[in-house]
Each structure stands twice: as structure tokens, then as C-alpha cells.
Amino acid sequence: MWYEISSVKEVNDFMEKINFFHDSCIKELKYSSGAYVNDKYEMYPVNDRRILNVVFQCQREGNGMFEMEFQGLRYLKLLPLDEMYTCEILDATMFIQKGLIYWCDCGGLSEEDLNDYTGTVICASKLRWRPIFNHMGNQEFYIGEGENL
């Protein structure tokens, strides 16, 4: 079951529910643009979907894994750390500003901080989330139909 996040109260309730992303990590990302090439090699070159799905895992029973779906993606600034560093999220920021929802992998940020911030930032028109049960560990969650080609 998906839960919409479209108000400041829903942002606050969600952040509290998942303990502000403390001791969590981004496990996987999946992006759907909407553009494609059909079997006649005709292109539909329009980004009319722009959906980013992000799976998080955290060290918490009950809310150990959840997915956030950002719809109408405006931008994704992904700066994953290399294997010389750890990538756990200690705190995160999420806010709504001018009809857009923002998520950042660091706590205490504001819209004014985003241009200079050197971490991961997601901005979209809409957001919803859902818990994921019985799928902890390193097995991939997003397994495509064509993976065995």
C-alpha cells in the first residue's frame, strides 16, 4: 500500500516514522523516463513519466526497508561515495517548497543550501512511499523481466 506525502504534516509524520533516516542507506534506484524506441525503431523521445524509485534499508525492526517514489522528477543529484568511505545516512532533510518536494541525505538543510551541497538531492512534484517486508539483505529488489537475456 502506497502512502502519499503532500503536506508539511505528512513530511513530518513520515520523517518521524522512519527516525529521520538515521542509520539507513540507499540500496537501489530505478528511473523511468517515459521515452522509448518501439520494435519498428521509432522513437518516442518525451520524458513524460520521470519517476524515480528509491529503496532504503535501515537498522530498525518494523521499518527496515521502504521505497520512496518521486513522481515528476525535476532533478537528481547523486553523489555516491566510493568504497573508501561508508555511505550510511545519519540524518536527512525533507521539505516542501513552492509546490516541489525535496529530499537530501543530510539533516538540517534548507533550499538556500542546495546549490552548494555536495551530497545527494532529489527534487520532484510528488512523493509517495511504502514499506517493504521480507526483503532485507543484498538481493536486488528491482529485477527486470529481461535480466536473463
C-alpha atoms as a PDB file:
ATOM      1  CA  MET A   1       0.000   0.000   0.000  1.00  0.00           C
ATOM      2  CA  TRP A   2       1.335   3.398  -1.005  1.00  0.00           C
ATOM      3  CA  TYR A   3       1.143   6.463   1.262  1.00  0.00           C
ATOM      4  CA  GLU A   4       1.116   9.934  -0.292  1.00  0.00           C
ATOM      5  CA  ILE A   5       3.277  12.735   1.098  1.00  0.00           C
ATOM      6  CA  SER A   6       1.974  16.119   0.014  1.00  0.00           C
ATOM      7  CA  SER A   7       1.841  18.306   3.130  1.00  0.00           C
ATOM      8  CA  VAL A   8       4.235  19.505   5.808  1.00  0.00           C
ATOM      9  CA  LYS A   9       2.406  17.346   8.358  1.00  0.00           C
ATOM     10  CA  GLU A  10       2.788  14.245   6.170  1.00  0.00           C
ATOM     11  CA  VAL A  11       6.500  15.027   5.725  1.00  0.00           C
ATOM     12  CA  ASN A  12       6.940  15.369   9.484  1.00  0.00           C
ATOM     13  CA  ASP A  13       4.946  12.208  10.238  1.00  0.00           C
ATOM     14  CA  PHE A  14       6.964  10.200   7.704  1.00  0.00           C
ATOM     15  CA  MET A  15      10.317  11.521   8.923  1.00  0.00           C
ATOM     16  CA  GLU A  16       9.370  10.674  12.484  1.00  0.00           C
ATOM     17  CA  LYS A  17       8.117   7.210  11.497  1.00  0.00           C
ATOM     18  CA  ILE A  18      11.414   6.270   9.886  1.00  0.00           C
ATOM     19  CA  ASN A  19      13.519   8.073  12.543  1.00  0.00           C
ATOM     20  CA  PHE A  20      14.735  10.785  10.145  1.00  0.00           C
ATOM     21  CA  PHE A  21      16.635   8.161   8.085  1.00  0.00           C
ATOM     22  CA  HIS A  22      19.070   7.556  10.947  1.00  0.00           C
ATOM     23  CA  ASP A  23      21.305   4.533  10.263  1.00  0.00           C
ATOM     24  CA  SER A  24      19.890   3.962   6.791  1.00  0.00           C
ATOM     25  CA  CYS A  25      21.331   3.631   3.309  1.00  0.00           C
ATOM     26  CA  ILE A  26      20.158   3.945  -0.267  1.00  0.00           C
ATOM     27  CA  LYS A  27      20.054   0.372  -1.508  1.00  0.00           C
ATOM     28  CA  GLU A  28      18.783   0.797  -5.084  1.00  0.00           C
ATOM     29  CA  LEU A  29      17.447   3.348  -7.566  1.00  0.00           C
ATOM     30  CA  LYS A  30      15.238   2.870 -10.613  1.00  0.00           C
ATOM     31  CA  TYR A  31      14.384   5.653 -13.066  1.00  0.00           C
ATOM     32  CA  SER A  32      11.646   5.597 -15.740  1.00  0.00           C
ATOM     33  CA  SER A  33      11.757   8.498 -18.187  1.00  0.00           C
ATOM     34  CA  GLY A  34       8.796   7.590 -20.386  1.00  0.00           C
ATOM     35  CA  ALA A  35      10.896   7.762 -23.556  1.00  0.00           C
ATOM     36  CA  TYR A  36      11.406   4.593 -25.602  1.00  0.00           C
ATOM     37  CA  VAL A  37      12.076   3.102 -29.028  1.00  0.00           C
ATOM     38  CA  ASN A  38       9.458   0.627 -30.275  1.00  0.00           C
ATOM     39  CA  ASP A  39      10.045  -2.596 -32.203  1.00  0.00           C
ATOM     40  CA  LYS A  40       9.975  -0.637 -35.500  1.00  0.00           C
ATOM     41  CA  TYR A  41      12.810   1.544 -34.138  1.00  0.00           C
ATOM     42  CA  GLU A  42      10.542   4.576 -33.944  1.00  0.00           C
ATOM     43  CA  MET A  43      11.409   6.779 -31.047  1.00  0.00           C
ATOM     44  CA  TYR A  44       9.035   8.326 -28.547  1.00  0.00           C
ATOM     45  CA  PRO A  45      11.501  10.912 -27.166  1.00  0.00           C
ATOM     46  CA  VAL A  46       9.346  12.518 -24.467  1.00  0.00           C
ATOM     47  CA  ASN A  47      10.203  12.352 -20.771  1.00  0.00           C
ATOM     48  CA  ASP A  48       6.543  12.209 -19.769  1.00  0.00           C
ATOM     49  CA  ARG A  49       6.985   9.853 -16.775  1.00  0.00           C
ATOM     50  CA  ARG A  50      10.116  10.989 -14.884  1.00  0.00           C
ATOM     51  CA  ILE A  51       9.614   8.576 -11.983  1.00  0.00           C
ATOM     52  CA  LEU A  52      12.443   7.779  -9.599  1.00  0.00           C
ATOM     53  CA  ASN A  53      12.029   4.874  -7.198  1.00  0.00           C
ATOM     54  CA  VAL A  54      14.476   4.646  -4.313  1.00  0.00           C
ATOM     55  CA  VAL A  55      14.761   1.693  -1.928  1.00  0.00           C
ATOM     56  CA  PHE A  56      16.192   2.362   1.513  1.00  0.00           C
ATOM     57  CA  GLN A  57      17.219  -0.083   4.189  1.00  0.00           C
ATOM     58  CA  CYS A  58      17.865   0.792   7.809  1.00  0.00           C
ATOM     59  CA  GLN A  59      18.826  -0.867  11.060  1.00  0.00           C
ATOM     60  CA  ARG A  60      15.345  -0.816  12.546  1.00  0.00           C
ATOM     61  CA  GLU A  61      12.828  -3.576  13.045  1.00  0.00           C
ATOM     62  CA  GLY A  62       9.404  -2.793  11.644  1.00  0.00           C
ATOM     63  CA  ASN A  63      10.583  -0.122   9.181  1.00  0.00           C
ATOM     64  CA  GLY A  64      13.734  -1.881   7.975  1.00  0.00           C
ATOM     65  CA  MET A  65      13.061  -1.407   4.282  1.00  0.00           C
ATOM     66  CA  PHE A  66      10.907   1.062   2.396  1.00  0.00           C
ATOM     67  CA  GLU A  67      10.538   2.534  -1.063  1.00  0.00           C
ATOM     68  CA  MET A  68      10.033   6.169  -1.985  1.00  0.00           C
ATOM     69  CA  GLU A  69       8.593   7.017  -5.404  1.00  0.00           C
ATOM     70  CA  PHE A  70       9.347  10.517  -6.653  1.00  0.00           C
ATOM     71  CA  GLN A  71       6.951  11.447  -9.472  1.00  0.00           C
ATOM     72  CA  GLY A  72       7.548  14.305 -11.895  1.00  0.00           C
ATOM     73  CA  LEU A  73      11.260  14.257 -11.117  1.00  0.00           C
ATOM     74  CA  ARG A  74      12.821  17.687 -11.546  1.00  0.00           C
ATOM     75  CA  TYR A  75      16.363  16.642 -10.727  1.00  0.00           C
ATOM     76  CA  LEU A  76      18.519  14.036  -9.069  1.00  0.00           C
ATOM     77  CA  LYS A  77      21.969  14.935  -7.857  1.00  0.00           C
ATOM     78  CA  LEU A  78      23.519  11.597  -6.955  1.00  0.00           C
ATOM     79  CA  LEU A  79      26.971  11.631  -5.427  1.00  0.00           C
ATOM     80  CA  PRO A  80      27.658   8.126  -4.143  1.00  0.00           C
ATOM     81  CA  LEU A  81      30.735   7.706  -2.015  1.00  0.00           C
ATOM     82  CA  ASP A  82      33.324   5.237  -3.207  1.00  0.00           C
ATOM     83  CA  GLU A  83      34.399   2.086  -1.364  1.00  0.00           C
ATOM     84  CA  MET A  84      36.912   4.037   0.717  1.00  0.00           C
ATOM     85  CA  TYR A  85      34.031   5.609   2.669  1.00  0.00           C
ATOM     86  CA  THR A  86      30.846   4.426   4.299  1.00  0.00           C
ATOM     87  CA  CYS A  87      27.523   5.547   2.855  1.00  0.00           C
ATOM     88  CA  GLU A  88      25.186   5.333   5.827  1.00  0.00           C
ATOM     89  CA  ILE A  89      22.750   8.175   6.260  1.00  0.00           C
ATOM     90  CA  LEU A  90      22.785   9.584   9.769  1.00  0.00           C
ATOM     91  CA  ASP A  91      20.072  12.182   9.216  1.00  0.00           C
ATOM     92  CA  ALA A  92      18.141  13.518   6.232  1.00  0.00           C
ATOM     93  CA  THR A  93      16.221  16.617   5.199  1.00  0.00           C
ATOM     94  CA  MET A  94      12.847  16.586   3.504  1.00  0.00           C
ATOM     95  CA  PHE A  95      10.720  19.651   2.832  1.00  0.00           C
ATOM     96  CA  ILE A  96       8.107  21.089   0.507  1.00  0.00           C
ATOM     97  CA  GLN A  97       8.857  24.416  -1.165  1.00  0.00           C
ATOM     98  CA  LYS A  98       6.937  26.149  -3.967  1.00  0.00           C
ATOM     99  CA  GLY A  99       4.948  23.017  -4.791  1.00  0.00           C
ATOM    100  CA  LEU A 100       8.023  20.771  -5.018  1.00  0.00           C
ATOM    101  CA  ILE A 101       9.252  18.151  -2.580  1.00  0.00           C
ATOM    102  CA  TYR A 102      12.948  17.864  -1.745  1.00  0.00           C
ATOM    103  CA  TRP A 103      14.931  15.062  -0.119  1.00  0.00           C
ATOM    104  CA  CYS A 104      18.605  15.367   0.868  1.00  0.00           C
ATOM    105  CA  ASP A 105      20.889  12.819   2.518  1.00  0.00           C
ATOM    106  CA  CYS A 106      21.949  15.244   5.253  1.00  0.00           C
ATOM    107  CA  GLY A 107      19.940  16.798   8.056  1.00  0.00           C
ATOM    108  CA  GLY A 108      19.382  20.486   8.676  1.00  0.00           C
ATOM    109  CA  LEU A 109      19.500  21.725   5.079  1.00  0.00           C
ATOM    110  CA  SER A 110      17.281  24.403   3.565  1.00  0.00           C
ATOM    111  CA  GLU A 111      16.501  25.391  -0.013  1.00  0.00           C
ATOM    112  CA  GLU A 112      19.271  28.015   0.157  1.00  0.00           C
ATOM    113  CA  ASP A 113      21.840  25.279   0.926  1.00  0.00           C
ATOM    114  CA  LEU A 114      21.041  23.090  -2.088  1.00  0.00           C
ATOM    115  CA  ASN A 115      23.252  24.775  -4.720  1.00  0.00           C
ATOM    116  CA  ASP A 116      26.380  24.338  -2.596  1.00  0.00           C
ATOM    117  CA  TYR A 117      25.508  20.965  -1.049  1.00  0.00           C
ATOM    118  CA  THR A 118      27.818  18.169  -2.224  1.00  0.00           C
ATOM    119  CA  GLY A 119      25.600  15.214  -1.319  1.00  0.00           C
ATOM    120  CA  THR A 120      22.570  13.534  -2.852  1.00  0.00           C
ATOM    121  CA  VAL A 121      19.494  15.682  -3.555  1.00  0.00           C
ATOM    122  CA  ILE A 122      16.168  14.669  -5.106  1.00  0.00           C
ATOM    123  CA  CYS A 123      13.510  17.168  -6.218  1.00  0.00           C
ATOM    124  CA  ALA A 124      10.104  16.155  -7.605  1.00  0.00           C
ATOM    125  CA  SER A 125       6.486  17.238  -7.965  1.00  0.00           C
ATOM    126  CA  LYS A 126       5.018  14.359  -5.957  1.00  0.00           C
ATOM    127  CA  LEU A 127       6.122  11.718  -3.497  1.00  0.00           C
ATOM    128  CA  ARG A 128       4.683   8.545  -2.120  1.00  0.00           C
ATOM    129  CA  TRP A 129       6.188   5.731  -0.064  1.00  0.00           C
ATOM    130  CA  ARG A 130       5.509   2.175   1.011  1.00  0.00           C
ATOM    131  CA  PRO A 131       7.032  -0.293   3.454  1.00  0.00           C
ATOM    132  CA  ILE A 132       8.692  -3.393   2.025  1.00  0.00           C
ATOM    133  CA  PHE A 133       8.604  -6.569   4.061  1.00  0.00           C
ATOM    134  CA  ASN A 134      10.648  -9.778   3.937  1.00  0.00           C
ATOM    135  CA  HIS A 135      13.314  -8.450   1.583  1.00  0.00           C
ATOM    136  CA  MET A 136      16.246  -7.376   3.770  1.00  0.00           C
ATOM    137  CA  GLY A 137      19.773  -8.145   2.630  1.00  0.00           C
ATOM    138  CA  ASN A 138      21.761  -7.655  -0.542  1.00  0.00           C
ATOM    139  CA  GLN A 139      19.423  -9.373  -3.037  1.00  0.00           C
ATOM    140  CA  GLU A 140      18.272  -6.868  -5.669  1.00  0.00           C
ATOM    141  CA  PHE A 141      14.732  -5.594  -5.294  1.00  0.00           C
ATOM    142  CA  TYR A 142      14.364  -4.201  -8.842  1.00  0.00           C
ATOM    143  CA  ILE A 143      14.803  -7.222 -11.055  1.00  0.00           C
ATOM    144  CA  GLY A 144      13.785  -6.561 -14.644  1.00  0.00           C
ATOM    145  CA  GLU A 145      11.977  -9.014 -16.894  1.00  0.00           C
ATOM    146  CA  GLY A 146      14.850  -9.043 -19.384  1.00  0.00           C
ATOM    147  CA  GLU A 147      17.619  -9.748 -16.901  1.00  0.00           C
ATOM    148  CA  ASN A 148      18.101 -13.290 -18.185  1.00  0.00           C
ATOM    149  CA  LEU A 149      18.702 -12.300 -21.834  1.00  0.00           C
END
